[in-house]
N, C-alpha and C. Protein backbone atom coordinates (compact mmCIF):
# COMPACT_ATOMS: atom_id res chain seq x y z
N MET A 1 12.47 6.45 -22.44
CA MET A 1 11.65 5.47 -21.76
C MET A 1 10.99 6.08 -20.51
N LYS A 2 11.73 6.89 -19.77
CA LYS A 2 11.17 7.51 -18.56
C LYS A 2 9.98 8.39 -18.92
N ARG A 3 10.08 9.14 -20.00
CA ARG A 3 8.97 9.99 -20.43
C ARG A 3 7.73 9.16 -20.75
N PHE A 4 7.93 8.03 -21.44
CA PHE A 4 6.82 7.14 -21.79
C PHE A 4 6.15 6.66 -20.50
N PHE A 5 6.95 6.20 -19.55
CA PHE A 5 6.42 5.72 -18.27
C PHE A 5 5.65 6.82 -17.57
N ASP A 6 6.25 8.00 -17.47
CA ASP A 6 5.62 9.10 -16.76
C ASP A 6 4.31 9.53 -17.41
N PHE A 7 4.25 9.49 -18.73
CA PHE A 7 3.04 9.91 -19.42
C PHE A 7 1.91 8.91 -19.23
N PHE A 8 2.18 7.64 -19.44
CA PHE A 8 1.13 6.62 -19.41
C PHE A 8 0.88 6.02 -18.04
N TYR A 9 1.86 6.06 -17.17
CA TYR A 9 1.72 5.35 -15.90
C TYR A 9 1.85 6.24 -14.68
N LYS A 10 1.59 7.49 -14.84
CA LYS A 10 1.65 8.41 -13.71
C LYS A 10 0.30 8.43 -13.00
N ILE A 11 0.34 8.31 -11.70
CA ILE A 11 -0.88 8.40 -10.91
C ILE A 11 -1.18 9.88 -10.71
N ARG A 12 -2.38 10.27 -11.11
CA ARG A 12 -2.80 11.66 -10.98
C ARG A 12 -3.81 11.83 -9.84
N THR A 13 -4.56 10.77 -9.57
CA THR A 13 -5.52 10.78 -8.49
C THR A 13 -5.75 9.34 -8.03
N PHE A 14 -6.34 9.18 -6.88
CA PHE A 14 -6.63 7.83 -6.40
C PHE A 14 -7.93 7.85 -5.60
N GLU A 15 -8.59 6.73 -5.61
CA GLU A 15 -9.80 6.58 -4.82
C GLU A 15 -9.45 5.88 -3.50
N ILE A 16 -8.81 4.71 -3.60
CA ILE A 16 -8.43 3.94 -2.42
C ILE A 16 -7.23 3.06 -2.74
N VAL A 17 -6.37 2.91 -1.76
CA VAL A 17 -5.23 2.01 -1.86
C VAL A 17 -5.20 1.21 -0.56
N THR A 18 -5.15 -0.12 -0.66
CA THR A 18 -4.99 -0.95 0.53
C THR A 18 -3.78 -1.86 0.35
N LEU A 19 -3.01 -1.98 1.41
CA LEU A 19 -1.84 -2.85 1.42
C LEU A 19 -1.90 -3.67 2.70
N ARG A 20 -2.04 -4.99 2.55
CA ARG A 20 -2.09 -5.89 3.70
C ARG A 20 -0.79 -6.69 3.75
N THR A 21 -0.17 -6.69 4.92
CA THR A 21 1.06 -7.45 5.11
C THR A 21 0.85 -8.44 6.26
N SER A 22 1.42 -9.61 6.11
CA SER A 22 1.34 -10.60 7.18
C SER A 22 2.62 -11.43 7.17
N GLY A 23 2.88 -12.03 8.29
CA GLY A 23 4.07 -12.86 8.43
C GLY A 23 4.22 -13.25 9.88
N MET A 24 5.45 -13.19 10.37
CA MET A 24 5.70 -13.54 11.77
C MET A 24 5.08 -12.49 12.71
N GLN A 25 5.00 -11.26 12.26
CA GLN A 25 4.35 -10.20 13.03
C GLN A 25 2.85 -10.27 12.78
N PRO A 26 2.05 -9.59 13.59
CA PRO A 26 0.61 -9.57 13.33
C PRO A 26 0.31 -8.99 11.94
N THR A 27 -0.83 -9.35 11.40
CA THR A 27 -1.25 -8.83 10.11
C THR A 27 -1.63 -7.36 10.25
N VAL A 28 -1.12 -6.56 9.32
CA VAL A 28 -1.36 -5.11 9.32
C VAL A 28 -1.95 -4.74 7.96
N GLU A 29 -2.89 -3.80 7.99
CA GLU A 29 -3.43 -3.28 6.74
C GLU A 29 -3.32 -1.76 6.75
N TYR A 30 -2.76 -1.24 5.67
CA TYR A 30 -2.69 0.20 5.46
C TYR A 30 -3.79 0.55 4.45
N GLU A 31 -4.49 1.63 4.71
CA GLU A 31 -5.53 2.08 3.80
C GLU A 31 -5.34 3.57 3.55
N ILE A 32 -5.35 3.95 2.28
CA ILE A 32 -5.20 5.35 1.90
C ILE A 32 -6.45 5.76 1.14
N THR A 33 -7.10 6.81 1.62
CA THR A 33 -8.28 7.36 0.95
C THR A 33 -8.09 8.86 0.83
N ASN A 34 -8.99 9.51 0.09
CA ASN A 34 -8.92 10.97 0.00
C ASN A 34 -10.31 11.56 -0.11
N ASP A 35 -10.40 12.82 0.27
CA ASP A 35 -11.68 13.52 0.20
C ASP A 35 -11.66 14.58 -0.91
N GLY A 36 -10.71 14.48 -1.81
CA GLY A 36 -10.59 15.45 -2.89
C GLY A 36 -9.46 16.45 -2.65
N GLU A 37 -9.25 16.83 -1.41
CA GLU A 37 -8.20 17.79 -1.06
C GLU A 37 -7.08 17.15 -0.24
N ARG A 38 -7.48 16.36 0.72
CA ARG A 38 -6.52 15.77 1.66
C ARG A 38 -6.57 14.25 1.54
N ALA A 39 -5.51 13.61 1.97
CA ALA A 39 -5.44 12.15 2.01
C ALA A 39 -5.44 11.69 3.46
N GLU A 40 -6.05 10.56 3.69
CA GLU A 40 -6.03 9.95 5.01
C GLU A 40 -5.34 8.60 4.90
N VAL A 41 -4.31 8.41 5.70
CA VAL A 41 -3.58 7.15 5.75
C VAL A 41 -3.92 6.52 7.10
N SER A 42 -4.43 5.30 7.07
CA SER A 42 -4.82 4.60 8.30
C SER A 42 -4.09 3.27 8.38
N GLN A 43 -3.81 2.86 9.60
CA GLN A 43 -3.19 1.56 9.85
C GLN A 43 -4.13 0.77 10.75
N TYR A 44 -4.40 -0.48 10.35
CA TYR A 44 -5.28 -1.36 11.10
C TYR A 44 -4.53 -2.64 11.48
N ALA A 45 -4.83 -3.15 12.66
CA ALA A 45 -4.41 -4.51 13.02
C ALA A 45 -5.53 -5.42 12.52
N VAL A 46 -5.16 -6.47 11.83
CA VAL A 46 -6.15 -7.41 11.31
C VAL A 46 -6.14 -8.64 12.21
N GLU A 47 -7.32 -8.95 12.73
CA GLU A 47 -7.45 -10.08 13.64
C GLU A 47 -8.47 -11.06 13.09
N TYR A 48 -8.27 -12.32 13.36
CA TYR A 48 -9.16 -13.37 12.91
C TYR A 48 -9.80 -14.01 14.14
N ARG A 49 -11.14 -13.87 14.25
CA ARG A 49 -11.87 -14.42 15.39
C ARG A 49 -13.14 -15.10 14.92
N ASP A 50 -13.33 -16.29 15.39
CA ASP A 50 -14.57 -17.04 15.09
C ASP A 50 -14.85 -17.08 13.59
N GLY A 51 -13.81 -17.27 12.81
CA GLY A 51 -13.97 -17.37 11.36
C GLY A 51 -14.19 -16.05 10.64
N GLU A 52 -14.08 -14.95 11.35
CA GLU A 52 -14.28 -13.64 10.73
C GLU A 52 -13.00 -12.81 10.78
N THR A 53 -12.83 -11.97 9.79
CA THR A 53 -11.71 -11.04 9.76
C THR A 53 -12.18 -9.70 10.31
N MET A 54 -11.44 -9.19 11.28
CA MET A 54 -11.81 -7.91 11.88
C MET A 54 -10.62 -6.96 11.79
N ARG A 55 -10.90 -5.69 11.48
CA ARG A 55 -9.86 -4.66 11.44
C ARG A 55 -10.01 -3.77 12.65
N ARG A 56 -8.92 -3.64 13.41
CA ARG A 56 -8.91 -2.76 14.58
C ARG A 56 -8.04 -1.56 14.26
N PRO A 57 -8.60 -0.33 14.26
CA PRO A 57 -7.81 0.86 13.95
C PRO A 57 -6.69 1.06 14.97
N GLU A 58 -5.51 1.40 14.46
CA GLU A 58 -4.36 1.65 15.34
C GLU A 58 -3.89 3.10 15.28
N ARG A 59 -3.70 3.62 14.07
CA ARG A 59 -3.28 5.02 13.95
C ARG A 59 -3.66 5.53 12.57
N ARG A 60 -3.69 6.86 12.47
CA ARG A 60 -4.03 7.47 11.18
C ARG A 60 -3.38 8.83 11.09
N ALA A 61 -3.26 9.30 9.87
CA ALA A 61 -2.72 10.63 9.62
C ALA A 61 -3.47 11.23 8.44
N VAL A 62 -3.73 12.50 8.53
CA VAL A 62 -4.32 13.25 7.42
C VAL A 62 -3.22 14.15 6.89
N CYS A 63 -3.02 14.11 5.58
CA CYS A 63 -1.91 14.87 4.99
C CYS A 63 -2.31 15.39 3.62
N ASP A 64 -1.41 16.09 3.00
CA ASP A 64 -1.61 16.63 1.66
C ASP A 64 -1.73 15.48 0.66
N LYS A 65 -2.80 15.48 -0.13
CA LYS A 65 -3.00 14.42 -1.12
C LYS A 65 -1.85 14.36 -2.12
N ALA A 66 -1.31 15.51 -2.47
CA ALA A 66 -0.20 15.56 -3.43
C ALA A 66 1.03 14.81 -2.90
N ALA A 67 1.25 14.85 -1.59
CA ALA A 67 2.40 14.15 -1.01
C ALA A 67 2.25 12.64 -1.15
N VAL A 68 1.03 12.14 -0.98
CA VAL A 68 0.78 10.70 -1.13
C VAL A 68 0.92 10.30 -2.59
N ILE A 69 0.40 11.10 -3.49
CA ILE A 69 0.54 10.80 -4.93
C ILE A 69 2.01 10.83 -5.33
N ARG A 70 2.75 11.78 -4.80
CA ARG A 70 4.19 11.84 -5.08
C ARG A 70 4.89 10.55 -4.61
N LEU A 71 4.55 10.07 -3.41
CA LEU A 71 5.13 8.83 -2.90
C LEU A 71 4.78 7.66 -3.82
N MET A 72 3.53 7.57 -4.24
CA MET A 72 3.12 6.48 -5.14
C MET A 72 3.89 6.52 -6.45
N ASN A 73 4.07 7.72 -7.01
CA ASN A 73 4.80 7.83 -8.28
C ASN A 73 6.29 7.60 -8.11
N GLN A 74 6.88 8.06 -7.00
CA GLN A 74 8.30 7.80 -6.76
C GLN A 74 8.56 6.30 -6.64
N CYS A 75 7.59 5.58 -6.08
CA CYS A 75 7.73 4.13 -5.90
C CYS A 75 7.18 3.35 -7.09
N ARG A 76 6.74 4.08 -8.11
CA ARG A 76 6.21 3.50 -9.34
C ARG A 76 5.14 2.44 -9.09
N LEU A 77 4.19 2.82 -8.27
CA LEU A 77 3.12 1.91 -7.88
C LEU A 77 2.37 1.36 -9.09
N PHE A 78 2.22 2.16 -10.13
CA PHE A 78 1.52 1.71 -11.34
C PHE A 78 2.21 0.48 -11.94
N ALA A 79 3.52 0.44 -11.87
CA ALA A 79 4.28 -0.67 -12.46
C ALA A 79 4.13 -1.96 -11.65
N TRP A 80 3.58 -1.88 -10.46
CA TRP A 80 3.37 -3.08 -9.65
C TRP A 80 2.23 -3.94 -10.17
N ASP A 81 1.36 -3.37 -11.01
CA ASP A 81 0.17 -4.10 -11.45
C ASP A 81 0.55 -5.44 -12.08
N GLY A 82 -0.07 -6.49 -11.57
CA GLY A 82 0.20 -7.84 -12.07
C GLY A 82 1.36 -8.54 -11.39
N PHE A 83 2.08 -7.85 -10.51
CA PHE A 83 3.20 -8.48 -9.82
C PHE A 83 2.68 -9.65 -8.98
N ASP A 84 3.32 -10.80 -9.12
CA ASP A 84 2.97 -12.00 -8.36
C ASP A 84 4.28 -12.65 -7.94
N GLY A 85 4.83 -12.16 -6.82
CA GLY A 85 6.13 -12.62 -6.34
C GLY A 85 6.02 -13.95 -5.62
N LYS A 86 6.41 -15.00 -6.31
CA LYS A 86 6.37 -16.34 -5.72
C LYS A 86 7.40 -16.44 -4.59
N HIS A 87 7.04 -17.23 -3.59
CA HIS A 87 7.92 -17.43 -2.44
C HIS A 87 9.22 -18.09 -2.90
N PRO A 88 10.38 -17.53 -2.50
CA PRO A 88 11.65 -18.11 -2.92
C PRO A 88 11.86 -19.53 -2.36
N LYS A 89 12.40 -20.37 -3.18
CA LYS A 89 12.70 -21.74 -2.78
C LYS A 89 13.68 -21.71 -1.60
N TYR A 90 13.49 -22.59 -0.67
CA TYR A 90 14.35 -22.78 0.50
C TYR A 90 14.19 -21.67 1.55
N VAL A 91 13.29 -20.74 1.38
CA VAL A 91 13.02 -19.73 2.41
C VAL A 91 11.86 -20.26 3.25
N LYS A 92 12.10 -20.44 4.55
CA LYS A 92 11.12 -21.09 5.42
C LYS A 92 9.93 -20.21 5.78
N ASP A 93 10.14 -18.93 6.01
CA ASP A 93 9.04 -18.04 6.37
C ASP A 93 9.28 -16.69 5.70
N GLY A 94 8.52 -15.69 6.10
CA GLY A 94 8.71 -14.37 5.51
C GLY A 94 7.44 -13.56 5.57
N THR A 95 7.46 -12.47 4.85
CA THR A 95 6.34 -11.54 4.81
C THR A 95 5.58 -11.70 3.51
N GLN A 96 4.27 -11.71 3.63
CA GLN A 96 3.41 -11.75 2.45
C GLN A 96 2.68 -10.42 2.36
N PHE A 97 2.35 -10.02 1.14
CA PHE A 97 1.61 -8.77 0.97
C PHE A 97 0.60 -8.90 -0.16
N VAL A 98 -0.45 -8.10 -0.06
CA VAL A 98 -1.44 -7.96 -1.12
C VAL A 98 -1.74 -6.47 -1.24
N LEU A 99 -1.62 -5.93 -2.44
CA LEU A 99 -1.93 -4.53 -2.71
C LEU A 99 -3.09 -4.47 -3.68
N LYS A 100 -4.06 -3.63 -3.35
CA LYS A 100 -5.18 -3.33 -4.26
C LYS A 100 -5.32 -1.82 -4.27
N ALA A 101 -5.39 -1.25 -5.46
CA ALA A 101 -5.51 0.20 -5.58
C ALA A 101 -6.44 0.55 -6.73
N THR A 102 -7.20 1.61 -6.54
CA THR A 102 -8.00 2.17 -7.61
C THR A 102 -7.51 3.60 -7.81
N VAL A 103 -7.00 3.87 -9.01
CA VAL A 103 -6.37 5.16 -9.31
C VAL A 103 -6.90 5.70 -10.63
N ASN A 104 -6.63 6.98 -10.86
CA ASN A 104 -6.93 7.63 -12.14
C ASN A 104 -8.34 7.36 -12.66
N GLY A 105 -9.30 7.47 -11.76
CA GLY A 105 -10.69 7.36 -12.18
C GLY A 105 -11.17 5.96 -12.49
N GLY A 106 -10.60 4.94 -11.87
CA GLY A 106 -11.12 3.59 -12.03
C GLY A 106 -10.11 2.53 -12.43
N LYS A 107 -8.89 2.90 -12.76
CA LYS A 107 -7.87 1.90 -13.10
C LYS A 107 -7.49 1.15 -11.83
N GLU A 108 -7.52 -0.18 -11.90
CA GLU A 108 -7.17 -1.00 -10.75
C GLU A 108 -5.76 -1.55 -10.86
N ILE A 109 -5.07 -1.54 -9.74
CA ILE A 109 -3.73 -2.09 -9.63
C ILE A 109 -3.79 -3.22 -8.60
N HIS A 110 -3.27 -4.39 -8.97
CA HIS A 110 -3.24 -5.53 -8.07
C HIS A 110 -1.81 -6.09 -8.04
N ALA A 111 -1.33 -6.38 -6.85
CA ALA A 111 0.00 -6.99 -6.71
C ALA A 111 -0.01 -7.84 -5.45
N LYS A 112 0.80 -8.89 -5.47
CA LYS A 112 0.93 -9.75 -4.30
C LYS A 112 2.28 -10.43 -4.33
N GLY A 113 2.70 -10.91 -3.17
CA GLY A 113 3.97 -11.60 -3.11
C GLY A 113 4.19 -12.22 -1.75
N SER A 114 5.14 -13.13 -1.70
CA SER A 114 5.52 -13.79 -0.46
C SER A 114 7.03 -13.78 -0.38
N GLN A 115 7.55 -12.91 0.48
CA GLN A 115 8.99 -12.70 0.63
C GLN A 115 9.64 -12.40 -0.73
N ASN A 116 8.86 -11.79 -1.60
CA ASN A 116 9.29 -11.41 -2.94
C ASN A 116 8.48 -10.17 -3.29
N PHE A 117 9.14 -9.04 -3.47
CA PHE A 117 8.47 -7.75 -3.53
C PHE A 117 8.80 -7.01 -4.82
N PRO A 118 7.86 -6.16 -5.29
CA PRO A 118 8.17 -5.33 -6.45
C PRO A 118 9.21 -4.27 -6.09
N ARG A 119 9.83 -3.75 -7.09
CA ARG A 119 10.81 -2.70 -6.90
C ARG A 119 10.17 -1.52 -6.16
N HIS A 120 10.86 -0.97 -5.21
CA HIS A 120 10.44 0.19 -4.41
C HIS A 120 9.38 -0.14 -3.35
N TYR A 121 9.12 -1.43 -3.11
CA TYR A 121 8.13 -1.82 -2.09
C TYR A 121 8.50 -1.27 -0.72
N HIS A 122 9.75 -1.45 -0.33
CA HIS A 122 10.17 -1.02 1.01
C HIS A 122 10.16 0.50 1.14
N GLU A 123 10.48 1.21 0.07
CA GLU A 123 10.40 2.67 0.10
C GLU A 123 8.95 3.12 0.30
N PHE A 124 8.02 2.39 -0.32
CA PHE A 124 6.61 2.73 -0.18
C PHE A 124 6.14 2.49 1.26
N THR A 125 6.45 1.33 1.82
CA THR A 125 6.01 1.05 3.20
C THR A 125 6.72 1.98 4.19
N ASP A 126 7.98 2.29 3.96
CA ASP A 126 8.68 3.26 4.83
C ASP A 126 7.99 4.63 4.76
N GLY A 127 7.61 5.04 3.56
CA GLY A 127 6.93 6.32 3.38
C GLY A 127 5.59 6.37 4.10
N LEU A 128 4.84 5.26 4.05
CA LEU A 128 3.57 5.21 4.77
C LEU A 128 3.79 5.30 6.28
N ARG A 129 4.80 4.60 6.77
CA ARG A 129 5.09 4.66 8.22
C ARG A 129 5.52 6.07 8.63
N GLU A 130 6.29 6.75 7.80
CA GLU A 130 6.69 8.13 8.10
C GLU A 130 5.46 9.04 8.19
N ILE A 131 4.54 8.90 7.26
CA ILE A 131 3.32 9.70 7.29
C ILE A 131 2.54 9.40 8.57
N LEU A 132 2.42 8.12 8.91
CA LEU A 132 1.65 7.73 10.10
C LEU A 132 2.29 8.21 11.39
N GLU A 133 3.60 8.29 11.43
CA GLU A 133 4.26 8.75 12.66
C GLU A 133 3.89 10.18 13.00
N SER A 134 3.48 10.95 12.02
CA SER A 134 3.11 12.34 12.28
C SER A 134 1.63 12.50 12.59
N GLY A 135 0.88 11.39 12.55
CA GLY A 135 -0.57 11.48 12.67
C GLY A 135 -1.11 11.15 14.05
N GLU A 136 -2.37 10.77 14.07
CA GLU A 136 -3.10 10.50 15.29
C GLU A 136 -3.07 9.02 15.63
N ILE A 137 -3.23 8.74 16.90
CA ILE A 137 -3.44 7.37 17.35
C ILE A 137 -4.91 7.25 17.68
N TYR A 138 -5.57 6.23 17.21
CA TYR A 138 -7.02 6.04 17.46
C TYR A 138 -7.26 5.84 18.93
């Protein structure tokens, strides 16, 4: 089964990945892009003013594209496609997320949830934060 997954669902390249999280903390958006050789991971604060959504850059890191692809595959990002984690009954608040990714030359991955996350979600967000800690502050 692992071989089947690795063959059909392995991310080999990516165009853009965005992950927006919101909850009791301010809304944050992570964006991952690449220039063919290197990957850029950026973190934005998302603010809502006068009916408009604005992204304010907070920090970014440029790193090896292969390291980002490795993180995506370790967290099985491809398997997140279609995930719709409904908010658990009796949970008053929590964190919501929306993931949109374009990988492997045009394949789109969409996932969302409210205090209900796909497998390896926290490993993925921890990995992004680790990459960002080594990068620049805008």
